[in-house]
């Protein structure tokens, strides 16, 4: 389900339950087309086939992508704490929040 509202930042965790889904590429394209956001960050799963599908759509759309292996996960399939995931992504992207609530971002090379 994708919200109808537009957001500055959207975090999408996708593909963990779709490792063997032959329609994943098409479904991810439909999902991305429905997202109204200036910045989108994808969390890709550990399953290689699904991870490549998520990374392909992220690259095609100029979005960011971060592997589930970089986050805490109790079940190995989903992030344990989405708030921590967001905090980590913001720290990694060096995103600052201005006093008026708008964000500024600059890329970081690891």
PDB file of N, CA and C in Angstrom:
ATOM      1  N   UNK A   1       0.838  -1.176   0.000  1.00  0.00           N
ATOM      2  CA  UNK A   1       0.000   0.000   0.000  1.00  0.00           C
ATOM      3  C   UNK A   1       0.885   1.242   0.000  1.00  0.00           C
ATOM      4  N   UNK A   2       0.566   2.167  -0.885  1.00  0.00           N
ATOM      5  CA  UNK A   2       1.337   3.396  -1.013  1.00  0.00           C
ATOM      6  C   UNK A   2       0.436   4.572  -0.647  1.00  0.00           C
ATOM      7  N   UNK A   3       0.889   5.448   0.259  1.00  0.00           N
ATOM      8  CA  UNK A   3       0.074   6.617   0.622  1.00  0.00           C
ATOM      9  C   UNK A   3      -0.172   7.521  -0.582  1.00  0.00           C
ATOM     10  N   UNK A   4      -1.294   8.172  -0.605  1.00  0.00           N
ATOM     11  CA  UNK A   4      -1.621   9.093  -1.702  1.00  0.00           C
ATOM     12  C   UNK A   4      -0.881  10.412  -1.574  1.00  0.00           C
ATOM     13  N   UNK A   5      -0.481  10.763  -0.357  1.00  0.00           N
ATOM     14  CA  UNK A   5       0.201  12.023  -0.128  1.00  0.00           C
ATOM     15  C   UNK A   5       1.620  11.981  -0.691  1.00  0.00           C
ATOM     16  N   UNK A   6       2.163  13.157  -0.953  1.00  0.00           N
ATOM     17  CA  UNK A   6       3.552  13.259  -1.387  1.00  0.00           C
ATOM     18  C   UNK A   6       4.422  13.514  -0.158  1.00  0.00           C
ATOM     19  N   UNK A   7       5.595  12.920  -0.130  1.00  0.00           N
ATOM     20  CA  UNK A   7       6.535  13.066   0.973  1.00  0.00           C
ATOM     21  C   UNK A   7       7.899  13.456   0.428  1.00  0.00           C
ATOM     22  N   UNK A   8       8.703  14.123   1.259  1.00  0.00           N
ATOM     23  CA  UNK A   8      10.066  14.454   0.846  1.00  0.00           C
ATOM     24  C   UNK A   8      10.943  13.209   0.826  1.00  0.00           C
ATOM     25  N   UNK A   9      10.748  12.338   1.810  1.00  0.00           N
ATOM     26  CA  UNK A   9      11.556  11.122   1.938  1.00  0.00           C
ATOM     27  C   UNK A   9      10.642   9.917   2.116  1.00  0.00           C
ATOM     28  N   UNK A  10      10.958   8.838   1.412  1.00  0.00           N
ATOM     29  CA  UNK A  10      10.225   7.579   1.572  1.00  0.00           C
ATOM     30  C   UNK A  10      11.244   6.455   1.710  1.00  0.00           C
ATOM     31  N   UNK A  11      11.024   5.605   2.694  1.00  0.00           N
ATOM     32  CA  UNK A  11      11.846   4.414   2.900  1.00  0.00           C
ATOM     33  C   UNK A  11      11.005   3.208   2.512  1.00  0.00           C
ATOM     34  N   UNK A  12      11.523   2.391   1.592  1.00  0.00           N
ATOM     35  CA  UNK A  12      10.814   1.210   1.125  1.00  0.00           C
ATOM     36  C   UNK A  12      11.651  -0.016   1.436  1.00  0.00           C
ATOM     37  N   UNK A  13      11.082  -0.924   2.195  1.00  0.00           N
ATOM     38  CA  UNK A  13      11.723  -2.215   2.443  1.00  0.00           C
ATOM     39  C   UNK A  13      10.945  -3.220   1.606  1.00  0.00           C
ATOM     40  N   UNK A  14      11.606  -3.789   0.605  1.00  0.00           N
ATOM     41  CA  UNK A  14      10.885  -4.635  -0.346  1.00  0.00           C
ATOM     42  C   UNK A  14      11.707  -5.848  -0.762  1.00  0.00           C
ATOM     43  N   UNK A  15      11.000  -6.902  -1.138  1.00  0.00           N
ATOM     44  CA  UNK A  15      11.633  -8.071  -1.727  1.00  0.00           C
ATOM     45  C   UNK A  15      11.905  -9.218  -0.789  1.00  0.00           C
ATOM     46  N   UNK A  16      11.847  -8.998   0.511  1.00  0.00           N
ATOM     47  CA  UNK A  16      12.176 -10.065   1.454  1.00  0.00           C
ATOM     48  C   UNK A  16      11.262 -11.273   1.338  1.00  0.00           C
ATOM     49  N   UNK A  17      10.006 -11.039   1.031  1.00  0.00           N
ATOM     50  CA  UNK A  17       9.056 -12.140   0.906  1.00  0.00           C
ATOM     51  C   UNK A  17       8.842 -12.559  -0.541  1.00  0.00           C
ATOM     52  N   UNK A  18       9.655 -12.021  -1.446  1.00  0.00           N
ATOM     53  CA  UNK A  18       9.463 -12.264  -2.871  1.00  0.00           C
ATOM     54  C   UNK A  18      10.675 -12.887  -3.558  1.00  0.00           C
ATOM     55  N   UNK A  19      11.480 -13.596  -2.817  1.00  0.00           N
ATOM     56  CA  UNK A  19      12.721 -14.141  -3.374  1.00  0.00           C
ATOM     57  C   UNK A  19      12.485 -15.011  -4.604  1.00  0.00           C
ATOM     58  N   UNK A  20      11.367 -15.720  -4.642  1.00  0.00           N
ATOM     59  CA  UNK A  20      11.089 -16.621  -5.763  1.00  0.00           C
ATOM     60  C   UNK A  20       9.982 -16.098  -6.682  1.00  0.00           C
ATOM     61  N   UNK A  21       9.583 -14.854  -6.498  1.00  0.00           N
ATOM     62  CA  UNK A  21       8.494 -14.265  -7.270  1.00  0.00           C
ATOM     63  C   UNK A  21       8.996 -13.862  -8.652  1.00  0.00           C
ATOM     64  N   UNK A  22       8.469 -14.487  -9.698  1.00  0.00           N
ATOM     65  CA  UNK A  22       8.907 -14.183 -11.061  1.00  0.00           C
ATOM     66  C   UNK A  22       8.402 -12.824 -11.550  1.00  0.00           C
ATOM     67  N   UNK A  23       7.466 -12.233 -10.833  1.00  0.00           N
ATOM     68  CA  UNK A  23       6.897 -10.943 -11.232  1.00  0.00           C
ATOM     69  C   UNK A  23       7.475  -9.765 -10.439  1.00  0.00           C
ATOM     70  N   UNK A  24       8.522 -10.015  -9.671  1.00  0.00           N
ATOM     71  CA  UNK A  24       9.031  -8.989  -8.762  1.00  0.00           C
ATOM     72  C   UNK A  24       9.438  -7.701  -9.486  1.00  0.00           C
ATOM     73  N   UNK A  25      10.100  -7.801 -10.628  1.00  0.00           N
ATOM     74  CA  UNK A  25      10.530  -6.594 -11.338  1.00  0.00           C
ATOM     75  C   UNK A  25       9.332  -5.718 -11.697  1.00  0.00           C
ATOM     76  N   UNK A  26       8.321  -6.323 -12.256  1.00  0.00           N
ATOM     77  CA  UNK A  26       7.119  -5.601 -12.645  1.00  0.00           C
ATOM     78  C   UNK A  26       6.417  -4.997 -11.430  1.00  0.00           C
ATOM     79  N   UNK A  27       6.324  -5.758 -10.353  1.00  0.00           N
ATOM     80  CA  UNK A  27       5.659  -5.278  -9.144  1.00  0.00           C
ATOM     81  C   UNK A  27       6.423  -4.114  -8.509  1.00  0.00           C
ATOM     82  N   UNK A  28       7.749  -4.188  -8.510  1.00  0.00           N
ATOM     83  CA  UNK A  28       8.552  -3.085  -7.963  1.00  0.00           C
ATOM     84  C   UNK A  28       8.414  -1.830  -8.818  1.00  0.00           C
ATOM     85  N   UNK A  29       8.344  -1.998 -10.134  1.00  0.00           N
ATOM     86  CA  UNK A  29       8.143  -0.844 -11.015  1.00  0.00           C
ATOM     87  C   UNK A  29       6.804  -0.178 -10.732  1.00  0.00           C
ATOM     88  N   UNK A  30       5.773  -0.980 -10.538  1.00  0.00           N
ATOM     89  CA  UNK A  30       4.448  -0.436 -10.225  1.00  0.00           C
ATOM     90  C   UNK A  30       4.466   0.277  -8.872  1.00  0.00           C
ATOM     91  N   UNK A  31       5.128  -0.328  -7.902  1.00  0.00           N
ATOM     92  CA  UNK A  31       5.239   0.283  -6.578  1.00  0.00           C
ATOM     93  C   UNK A  31       5.943   1.629  -6.677  1.00  0.00           C
ATOM     94  N   UNK A  32       7.070   1.649  -7.373  1.00  0.00           N
ATOM     95  CA  UNK A  32       7.855   2.896  -7.480  1.00  0.00           C
ATOM     96  C   UNK A  32       7.078   3.973  -8.217  1.00  0.00           C
ATOM     97  N   UNK A  33       6.331   3.589  -9.243  1.00  0.00           N
ATOM     98  CA  UNK A  33       5.542   4.557 -10.003  1.00  0.00           C
ATOM     99  C   UNK A  33       4.468   5.219  -9.128  1.00  0.00           C
ATOM    100  N   UNK A  34       4.013   4.517  -8.118  1.00  0.00           N
ATOM    101  CA  UNK A  34       2.965   5.036  -7.238  1.00  0.00           C
ATOM    102  C   UNK A  34       3.505   5.929  -6.132  1.00  0.00           C
ATOM    103  N   UNK A  35       4.815   5.894  -5.885  1.00  0.00           N
ATOM    104  CA  UNK A  35       5.416   6.692  -4.802  1.00  0.00           C
ATOM    105  C   UNK A  35       5.632   8.114  -5.275  1.00  0.00           C
ATOM    106  N   UNK A  36       5.122   9.050  -4.507  1.00  0.00           N
ATOM    107  CA  UNK A  36       5.295  10.472  -4.800  1.00  0.00           C
ATOM    108  C   UNK A  36       6.251  11.047  -3.762  1.00  0.00           C
ATOM    109  N   UNK A  37       7.515  11.097  -4.132  1.00  0.00           N
ATOM    110  CA  UNK A  37       8.524  11.585  -3.199  1.00  0.00           C
ATOM    111  C   UNK A  37       9.727  12.115  -3.966  1.00  0.00           C
ATOM    112  N   UNK A  38      10.367  13.092  -3.365  1.00  0.00           N
ATOM    113  CA  UNK A  38      11.588  13.643  -3.942  1.00  0.00           C
ATOM    114  C   UNK A  38      12.763  12.681  -3.740  1.00  0.00           C
ATOM    115  N   UNK A  39      12.792  12.015  -2.589  1.00  0.00           N
ATOM    116  CA  UNK A  39      13.887  11.106  -2.254  1.00  0.00           C
ATOM    117  C   UNK A  39      13.311   9.756  -1.826  1.00  0.00           C
ATOM    118  N   UNK A  40      13.825   8.700  -2.430  1.00  0.00           N
ATOM    119  CA  UNK A  40      13.394   7.346  -2.074  1.00  0.00           C
ATOM    120  C   UNK A  40      14.628   6.524  -1.740  1.00  0.00           C
ATOM    121  N   UNK A  41      14.560   5.812  -0.631  1.00  0.00           N
ATOM    122  CA  UNK A  41      15.630   4.903  -0.218  1.00  0.00           C
ATOM    123  C   UNK A  41      15.019   3.521  -0.087  1.00  0.00           C
ATOM    124  N   UNK A  42      15.647   2.550  -0.714  1.00  0.00           N
ATOM    125  CA  UNK A  42      15.188   1.164  -0.680  1.00  0.00           C
ATOM    126  C   UNK A  42      16.061   0.354   0.260  1.00  0.00           C
ATOM    127  N   UNK A  43      15.456  -0.539   1.016  1.00  0.00           N
ATOM    128  CA  UNK A  43      16.186  -1.556   1.779  1.00  0.00           C
ATOM    129  C   UNK A  43      16.016  -2.842   0.988  1.00  0.00           C
ATOM    130  N   UNK A  44      17.132  -3.371   0.487  1.00  0.00           N
ATOM    131  CA  UNK A  44      17.029  -4.603  -0.295  1.00  0.00           C
ATOM    132  C   UNK A  44      17.338  -5.817   0.581  1.00  0.00           C
ATOM    133  N   UNK A  45      16.711  -6.957   0.244  1.00  0.00           N
ATOM    134  CA  UNK A  45      16.816  -8.156   1.079  1.00  0.00           C
ATOM    135  C   UNK A  45      18.132  -8.900   0.879  1.00  0.00           C
ATOM    136  N   UNK A  46      18.305  -9.928   1.680  1.00  0.00           N
ATOM    137  CA  UNK A  46      19.511 -10.776   1.562  1.00  0.00           C
ATOM    138  C   UNK A  46      19.419 -11.735   0.386  1.00  0.00           C
ATOM    139  N   UNK A  47      18.215 -12.127   0.009  1.00  0.00           N
ATOM    140  CA  UNK A  47      18.028 -13.040  -1.129  1.00  0.00           C
ATOM    141  C   UNK A  47      18.537 -12.348  -2.398  1.00  0.00           C
ATOM    142  N   UNK A  48      19.506 -12.957  -3.056  1.00  0.00           N
ATOM    143  CA  UNK A  48      20.232 -12.316  -4.154  1.00  0.00           C
ATOM    144  C   UNK A  48      19.317 -11.890  -5.306  1.00  0.00           C
ATOM    145  N   UNK A  49      18.457 -12.767  -5.752  1.00  0.00           N
ATOM    146  CA  UNK A  49      17.591 -12.449  -6.899  1.00  0.00           C
ATOM    147  C   UNK A  49      16.705 -11.237  -6.601  1.00  0.00           C
ATOM    148  N   UNK A  50      16.091 -11.221  -5.448  1.00  0.00           N
ATOM    149  CA  UNK A  50      15.229 -10.101  -5.060  1.00  0.00           C
ATOM    150  C   UNK A  50      16.051  -8.838  -4.816  1.00  0.00           C
ATOM    151  N   UNK A  51      17.243  -8.999  -4.247  1.00  0.00           N
ATOM    152  CA  UNK A  51      18.111  -7.842  -4.003  1.00  0.00           C
ATOM    153  C   UNK A  51      18.472  -7.158  -5.318  1.00  0.00           C
ATOM    154  N   UNK A  52      18.808  -7.947  -6.331  1.00  0.00           N
ATOM    155  CA  UNK A  52      19.131  -7.370  -7.641  1.00  0.00           C
ATOM    156  C   UNK A  52      17.933  -6.650  -8.231  1.00  0.00           C
ATOM    157  N   UNK A  53      16.751  -7.203  -8.056  1.00  0.00           N
ATOM    158  CA  UNK A  53      15.535  -6.567  -8.577  1.00  0.00           C
ATOM    159  C   UNK A  53      15.324  -5.204  -7.914  1.00  0.00           C
ATOM    160  N   UNK A  54      15.484  -5.151  -6.600  1.00  0.00           N
ATOM    161  CA  UNK A  54      15.317  -3.889  -5.869  1.00  0.00           C
ATOM    162  C   UNK A  54      16.392  -2.895  -6.305  1.00  0.00           C
ATOM    163  N   UNK A  55      17.631  -3.344  -6.409  1.00  0.00           N
ATOM    164  CA  UNK A  55      18.721  -2.447  -6.811  1.00  0.00           C
ATOM    165  C   UNK A  55      18.537  -1.923  -8.236  1.00  0.00           C
ATOM    166  N   UNK A  56      18.013  -2.761  -9.124  1.00  0.00           N
ATOM    167  CA  UNK A  56      17.767  -2.312 -10.502  1.00  0.00           C
ATOM    168  C   UNK A  56      16.761  -1.163 -10.534  1.00  0.00           C
ATOM    169  N   UNK A  57      15.659  -1.307  -9.813  1.00  0.00           N
ATOM    170  CA  UNK A  57      14.651  -0.250  -9.822  1.00  0.00           C
ATOM    171  C   UNK A  57      15.193   1.005  -9.151  1.00  0.00           C
ATOM    172  N   UNK A  58      15.957   0.845  -8.084  1.00  0.00           N
ATOM    173  CA  UNK A  58      16.552   2.007  -7.409  1.00  0.00           C
ATOM    174  C   UNK A  58      17.494   2.745  -8.358  1.00  0.00           C
ATOM    175  N   UNK A  59      18.335   2.009  -9.052  1.00  0.00           N
ATOM    176  CA  UNK A  59      19.291   2.629  -9.967  1.00  0.00           C
ATOM    177  C   UNK A  59      18.571   3.314 -11.127  1.00  0.00           C
ATOM    178  N   UNK A  60      17.559   2.657 -11.661  1.00  0.00           N
ATOM    179  CA  UNK A  60      16.798   3.217 -12.775  1.00  0.00           C
ATOM    180  C   UNK A  60      16.164   4.553 -12.411  1.00  0.00           C
ATOM    181  N   UNK A  61      15.697   4.667 -11.176  1.00  0.00           N
ATOM    182  CA  UNK A  61      14.989   5.867 -10.745  1.00  0.00           C
ATOM    183  C   UNK A  61      15.879   6.873 -10.014  1.00  0.00           C
ATOM    184  N   UNK A  62      17.163   6.553  -9.864  1.00  0.00           N
ATOM    185  CA  UNK A  62      18.059   7.463  -9.161  1.00  0.00           C
ATOM    186  C   UNK A  62      17.856   7.467  -7.657  1.00  0.00           C
ATOM    187  N   UNK A  63      17.316   6.369  -7.137  1.00  0.00           N
ATOM    188  CA  UNK A  63      17.059   6.241  -5.704  1.00  0.00           C
ATOM    189  C   UNK A  63      18.280   5.653  -5.005  1.00  0.00           C
ATOM    190  N   UNK A  64      18.283   5.729  -3.690  1.00  0.00           N
ATOM    191  CA  UNK A  64      19.323   5.097  -2.899  1.00  0.00           C
ATOM    192  C   UNK A  64      18.924   3.672  -2.539  1.00  0.00           C
ATOM    193  N   UNK A  65      19.891   2.866  -2.162  1.00  0.00           N
ATOM    194  CA  UNK A  65      19.624   1.489  -1.740  1.00  0.00           C
ATOM    195  C   UNK A  65      20.604   1.091  -0.649  1.00  0.00           C
ATOM    196  N   UNK A  66      20.099   0.347   0.316  1.00  0.00           N
ATOM    197  CA  UNK A  66      20.894  -0.117   1.444  1.00  0.00           C
ATOM    198  C   UNK A  66      20.508  -1.560   1.721  1.00  0.00           C
ATOM    199  N   UNK A  67      21.489  -2.412   1.911  1.00  0.00           N
ATOM    200  CA  UNK A  67      21.222  -3.825   2.160  1.00  0.00           C
ATOM    201  C   UNK A  67      20.739  -4.100   3.565  1.00  0.00           C
ATOM    202  N   UNK A  68      19.848  -5.054   3.684  1.00  0.00           N
ATOM    203  CA  UNK A  68      19.348  -5.479   4.989  1.00  0.00           C
ATOM    204  C   UNK A  68      20.502  -5.902   5.892  1.00  0.00           C
ATOM    205  N   UNK A  69      21.562  -6.440   5.300  1.00  0.00           N
ATOM    206  CA  UNK A  69      22.708  -6.883   6.104  1.00  0.00           C
ATOM    207  C   UNK A  69      23.386  -5.738   6.849  1.00  0.00           C
ATOM    208  N   UNK A  70      23.114  -4.488   6.466  1.00  0.00           N
ATOM    209  CA  UNK A  70      23.691  -3.330   7.162  1.00  0.00           C
ATOM    210  C   UNK A  70      22.847  -2.912   8.364  1.00  0.00           C
ATOM    211  N   UNK A  71      21.706  -3.561   8.548  1.00  0.00           N
ATOM    212  CA  UNK A  71      20.774  -3.193   9.621  1.00  0.00           C
ATOM    213  C   UNK A  71      20.596  -4.353  10.591  1.00  0.00           C
ATOM    214  N   UNK A  72      20.139  -4.035  11.790  1.00  0.00           N
ATOM    215  CA  UNK A  72      19.786  -5.086  12.749  1.00  0.00           C
ATOM    216  C   UNK A  72      18.546  -5.811  12.245  1.00  0.00           C
ATOM    217  N   UNK A  73      18.582  -7.149  12.318  1.00  0.00           N
ATOM    218  CA  UNK A  73      17.432  -7.947  11.902  1.00  0.00           C
ATOM    219  C   UNK A  73      17.393  -9.200  12.758  1.00  0.00           C
ATOM    220  N   UNK A  74      16.298  -9.360  13.487  1.00  0.00           N
ATOM    221  CA  UNK A  74      16.174 -10.549  14.338  1.00  0.00           C
ATOM    222  C   UNK A  74      15.800 -11.787  13.534  1.00  0.00           C
ATOM    223  N   UNK A  75      15.027 -11.608  12.470  1.00  0.00           N
ATOM    224  CA  UNK A  75      14.592 -12.762  11.688  1.00  0.00           C
ATOM    225  C   UNK A  75      15.385 -12.946  10.396  1.00  0.00           C
ATOM    226  N   UNK A  76      16.293 -12.022  10.095  1.00  0.00           N
ATOM    227  CA  UNK A  76      17.089 -12.126   8.875  1.00  0.00           C
ATOM    228  C   UNK A  76      16.305 -11.768   7.622  1.00  0.00           C
ATOM    229  N   UNK A  77      15.088 -11.297   7.796  1.00  0.00           N
ATOM    230  CA  UNK A  77      14.218 -10.984   6.666  1.00  0.00           C
ATOM    231  C   UNK A  77      13.750  -9.528   6.696  1.00  0.00           C
ATOM    232  N   UNK A  78      13.528  -8.994   7.890  1.00  0.00           N
ATOM    233  CA  UNK A  78      13.016  -7.632   8.042  1.00  0.00           C
ATOM    234  C   UNK A  78      13.884  -6.861   9.037  1.00  0.00           C
ATOM    235  N   UNK A  79      13.986  -5.538   8.852  1.00  0.00           N
ATOM    236  CA  UNK A  79      14.700  -4.744   9.856  1.00  0.00           C
ATOM    237  C   UNK A  79      14.020  -4.875  11.222  1.00  0.00           C
ATOM    238  N   UNK A  80      14.805  -4.963  12.271  1.00  0.00           N
ATOM    239  CA  UNK A  80      14.248  -5.073  13.628  1.00  0.00           C
ATOM    240  C   UNK A  80      13.582  -3.785  14.070  1.00  0.00           C
ATOM    241  N   UNK A  81      14.149  -2.671  13.654  1.00  0.00           N
ATOM    242  CA  UNK A  81      13.664  -1.386  14.127  1.00  0.00           C
ATOM    243  C   UNK A  81      13.742  -0.384  12.973  1.00  0.00           C
ATOM    244  N   UNK A  82      12.591  -0.033  12.427  1.00  0.00           N
ATOM    245  CA  UNK A  82      12.569   0.884  11.286  1.00  0.00           C
ATOM    246  C   UNK A  82      13.012   2.291  11.662  1.00  0.00           C
ATOM    247  N   UNK A  83      12.739   2.711  12.890  1.00  0.00           N
ATOM    248  CA  UNK A  83      13.200   4.041  13.319  1.00  0.00           C
ATOM    249  C   UNK A  83      14.726   4.104  13.313  1.00  0.00           C
ATOM    250  N   UNK A  84      15.366   3.047  13.788  1.00  0.00           N
ATOM    251  CA  UNK A  84      16.829   3.002  13.760  1.00  0.00           C
ATOM    252  C   UNK A  84      17.345   2.951  12.328  1.00  0.00           C
ATOM    253  N   UNK A  85      16.632   2.235  11.470  1.00  0.00           N
ATOM    254  CA  UNK A  85      17.021   2.157  10.058  1.00  0.00           C
ATOM    255  C   UNK A  85      16.988   3.546   9.425  1.00  0.00           C
ATOM    256  N   UNK A  86      15.928   4.285   9.706  1.00  0.00           N
ATOM    257  CA  UNK A  86      15.809   5.644   9.171  1.00  0.00           C
ATOM    258  C   UNK A  86      16.933   6.523   9.709  1.00  0.00           C
ATOM    259  N   UNK A  87      17.208   6.436  10.993  1.00  0.00           N
ATOM    260  CA  UNK A  87      18.282   7.236  11.593  1.00  0.00           C
ATOM    261  C   UNK A  87      19.625   6.910  10.943  1.00  0.00           C
ATOM    262  N   UNK A  88      19.880   5.634  10.705  1.00  0.00           N
ATOM    263  CA  UNK A  88      21.137   5.220  10.080  1.00  0.00           C
ATOM    264  C   UNK A  88      21.228   5.754   8.648  1.00  0.00           C
ATOM    265  N   UNK A  89      20.144   5.667   7.919  1.00  0.00           N
ATOM    266  CA  UNK A  89      20.133   6.142   6.539  1.00  0.00           C
ATOM    267  C   UNK A  89      20.347   7.647   6.495  1.00  0.00           C
ATOM    268  N   UNK A  90      19.676   8.389   7.374  1.00  0.00           N
ATOM    269  CA  UNK A  90      19.868   9.834   7.408  1.00  0.00           C
ATOM    270  C   UNK A  90      21.313  10.171   7.766  1.00  0.00           C
ATOM    271  N   UNK A  91      21.896   9.451   8.706  1.00  0.00           N
ATOM    272  CA  UNK A  91      23.284   9.699   9.087  1.00  0.00           C
ATOM    273  C   UNK A  91      24.217   9.391   7.921  1.00  0.00           C
ATOM    274  N   UNK A  92      23.944   8.315   7.216  1.00  0.00           N
ATOM    275  CA  UNK A  92      24.786   7.910   6.094  1.00  0.00           C
ATOM    276  C   UNK A  92      24.685   8.869   4.928  1.00  0.00           C
ATOM    277  N   UNK A  93      23.506   9.400   4.705  1.00  0.00           N
ATOM    278  CA  UNK A  93      23.286  10.331   3.601  1.00  0.00           C
ATOM    279  C   UNK A  93      23.673  11.753   3.983  1.00  0.00           C
ATOM    280  N   UNK A  94      24.006  11.926   5.258  1.00  0.00           N
ATOM    281  CA  UNK A  94      24.335  13.255   5.768  1.00  0.00           C
ATOM    282  C   UNK A  94      23.197  14.231   5.473  1.00  0.00           C
ATOM    283  N   UNK A  95      22.040  13.855   5.909  1.00  0.00           N
ATOM    284  CA  UNK A  95      20.866  14.692   5.732  1.00  0.00           C
ATOM    285  C   UNK A  95      20.713  15.559   6.967  1.00  0.00           C
ATOM    286  N   UNK A  96      20.547  16.826   6.764  1.00  0.00           N
ATOM    287  CA  UNK A  96      20.312  17.747   7.863  1.00  0.00           C
ATOM    288  C   UNK A  96      18.894  18.262   7.807  1.00  0.00           C
ATOM    289  N   UNK A  97      18.345  18.556   8.937  1.00  0.00           N
ATOM    290  CA  UNK A  97      17.005  19.121   8.998  1.00  0.00           C
ATOM    291  C   UNK A  97      17.139  20.577   9.454  1.00  0.00           C
ATOM    292  N   UNK A  98      16.650  21.481   8.650  1.00  0.00           N
ATOM    293  CA  UNK A  98      16.670  22.906   8.991  1.00  0.00           C
ATOM    294  C   UNK A  98      15.613  23.199  10.044  1.00  0.00           C
ATOM    295  N   UNK A  99      15.707  24.349  10.671  1.00  0.00           N
ATOM    296  CA  UNK A  99      14.746  24.714  11.712  1.00  0.00           C
ATOM    297  C   UNK A  99      13.333  24.857  11.168  1.00  0.00           C
ATOM    298  N   UNK A 100      13.191  25.131   9.861  1.00  0.00           N
ATOM    299  CA  UNK A 100      11.853  25.253   9.283  1.00  0.00           C
ATOM    300  C   UNK A 100      11.278  23.903   8.859  1.00  0.00           C
ATOM    301  N   UNK A 101      12.010  22.820   9.132  1.00  0.00           N
ATOM    302  CA  UNK A 101      11.515  21.477   8.834  1.00  0.00           C
ATOM    303  C   UNK A 101      11.911  20.952   7.472  1.00  0.00           C
ATOM    304  N   UNK A 102      12.541  21.763   6.638  1.00  0.00           N
ATOM    305  CA  UNK A 102      12.988  21.276   5.334  1.00  0.00           C
ATOM    306  C   UNK A 102      14.311  20.539   5.505  1.00  0.00           C
ATOM    307  N   UNK A 103      14.609  19.673   4.565  1.00  0.00           N
ATOM    308  CA  UNK A 103      15.838  18.893   4.677  1.00  0.00           C
ATOM    309  C   UNK A 103      16.864  19.341   3.649  1.00  0.00           C
ATOM    310  N   UNK A 104      18.118  19.147   3.992  1.00  0.00           N
ATOM    311  CA  UNK A 104      19.209  19.355   3.063  1.00  0.00           C
ATOM    312  C   UNK A 104      20.009  18.052   3.048  1.00  0.00           C
ATOM    313  N   UNK A 105      20.521  17.697   1.899  1.00  0.00           N
ATOM    314  CA  UNK A 105      21.232  16.424   1.810  1.00  0.00           C
ATOM    315  C   UNK A 105      22.460  16.573   0.926  1.00  0.00           C
ATOM    316  N   UNK A 106      23.469  15.798   1.230  1.00  0.00           N
ATOM    317  CA  UNK A 106      24.628  15.712   0.363  1.00  0.00           C
ATOM    318  C   UNK A 106      25.147  14.292   0.433  1.00  0.00           C
ATOM    319  N   UNK A 107      25.682  13.840  -0.672  1.00  0.00           N
ATOM    320  CA  UNK A 107      26.110  12.449  -0.775  1.00  0.00           C
ATOM    321  C   UNK A 107      27.410  12.223  -0.024  1.00  0.00           C
ATOM    322  N   UNK A 108      27.582  10.997   0.457  1.00  0.00           N
ATOM    323  CA  UNK A 108      28.784  10.605   1.186  1.00  0.00           C
ATOM    324  C   UNK A 108      29.384   9.398   0.485  1.00  0.00           C
ATOM    325  N   UNK A 109      30.662   9.456   0.215  1.00  0.00           N
ATOM    326  CA  UNK A 109      31.364   8.315  -0.369  1.00  0.00           C
ATOM    327  C   UNK A 109      32.025   7.547   0.765  1.00  0.00           C
ATOM    328  N   UNK A 110      31.740   6.262   0.861  1.00  0.00           N
ATOM    329  CA  UNK A 110      32.371   5.429   1.888  1.00  0.00           C
ATOM    330  C   UNK A 110      33.726   4.943   1.421  1.00  0.00           C
TER     331      UNK A 110
END
